[in-house]
Protein backbone atom coordinates (compact mmCIF):
# COMPACT_ATOMS: atom_id res chain seq x y z
CA MET A 1 81.48 104.77 -25.56
CA GLU A 2 80.84 107.76 -26.91
CA ILE A 3 83.11 110.55 -26.42
CA ARG A 4 81.71 113.82 -27.69
CA THR A 5 83.49 117.28 -27.58
CA GLY A 6 82.93 120.84 -27.65
CA ASN A 7 84.53 120.99 -31.60
CA GLY A 8 82.83 118.00 -32.62
CA GLY A 9 86.01 116.49 -33.50
CA PRO A 10 88.09 113.50 -31.99
CA PRO A 11 89.14 114.04 -28.24
CA SER A 12 92.01 115.73 -27.68
CA GLU A 13 95.20 114.23 -26.13
CA ALA A 14 94.79 115.82 -22.90
CA GLU A 15 91.30 114.93 -23.02
CA GLY A 16 91.96 111.37 -23.54
CA ALA A 17 94.53 111.55 -20.45
CA ALA A 18 91.68 113.30 -18.53
CA ILE A 19 89.77 110.10 -19.15
CA ALA A 20 91.94 107.33 -18.76
CA ALA A 21 93.01 108.96 -15.46
CA ALA A 22 89.76 109.14 -14.64
CA LEU A 23 88.60 105.46 -15.37
CA GLU A 24 92.11 104.39 -13.00
CA ARG A 25 91.26 106.59 -10.07
CA PHE A 26 87.47 104.93 -10.33
CA LEU A 27 88.85 101.40 -10.62
CA ALA A 28 91.34 101.72 -7.77
CA ASP A 29 88.50 103.42 -5.65
CA THR A 30 86.11 100.69 -5.96
CA ALA A 31 88.42 97.55 -6.39
CA PRO A 32 88.08 94.78 -3.27
CA ALA A 33 90.11 94.93 -0.53
CA LEU A 34 92.87 92.77 -0.92
CA LEU A 35 92.89 89.63 1.33
CA PRO A 36 95.65 89.14 3.85
CA THR A 37 98.09 86.52 3.01
CA GLY A 38 99.53 83.80 4.94
CA PRO A 39 98.06 82.98 8.18
CA PRO A 40 96.47 85.22 10.70
CA LYS A 41 98.72 86.46 13.32
CA MET A 42 97.58 85.99 16.95
CA ASP A 43 97.36 89.00 19.02
CA PRO A 44 100.54 89.42 21.12
CA TRP A 45 98.73 89.88 24.07
CA LEU A 46 96.76 86.51 24.21
CA ARG A 47 100.00 84.54 22.80
CA GLN A 48 101.55 86.06 25.80
CA ALA A 49 98.25 85.27 28.46
CA LEU A 50 98.47 81.50 26.75
CA ILE A 51 102.21 81.33 27.48
CA ASP A 52 101.42 82.12 30.90
CA GLY A 53 99.02 80.50 31.67
CA VAL A 54 100.72 76.73 31.20
CA SER A 55 103.64 77.94 32.37
CA ALA A 56 101.57 78.86 35.89
CA LYS A 57 100.05 75.20 35.87
CA GLU A 58 103.40 73.45 34.98
CA GLU A 59 105.00 75.76 38.08
CA PHE A 60 102.24 74.18 40.87
CA GLY A 61 101.71 71.07 38.84
CA PRO A 62 98.43 69.12 38.95
CA GLY A 63 95.58 70.23 41.11
CA ASN A 64 95.26 73.56 42.72
CA PRO A 65 97.61 75.97 43.60
CA PRO A 66 98.94 76.36 47.45
CA GLY A 67 96.22 77.77 49.39
CA PHE A 68 93.44 77.27 46.88
CA GLY A 69 91.78 73.83 47.80
């Protein structure tokens, strides 16, 4: 990579710092998203619905609930 400055000499410290900051920002903006760690969490509404469904069946026993059959 060649950097040209207006005065024909090497870039100053401030120009070098600006280039480094721009590169860091570019890398941060274009980096791929991080993958979640650990197992996926179940939706709390789905979890409770599953619990309610299982406990409702246990309450009535096998077959249909009273009044539905």
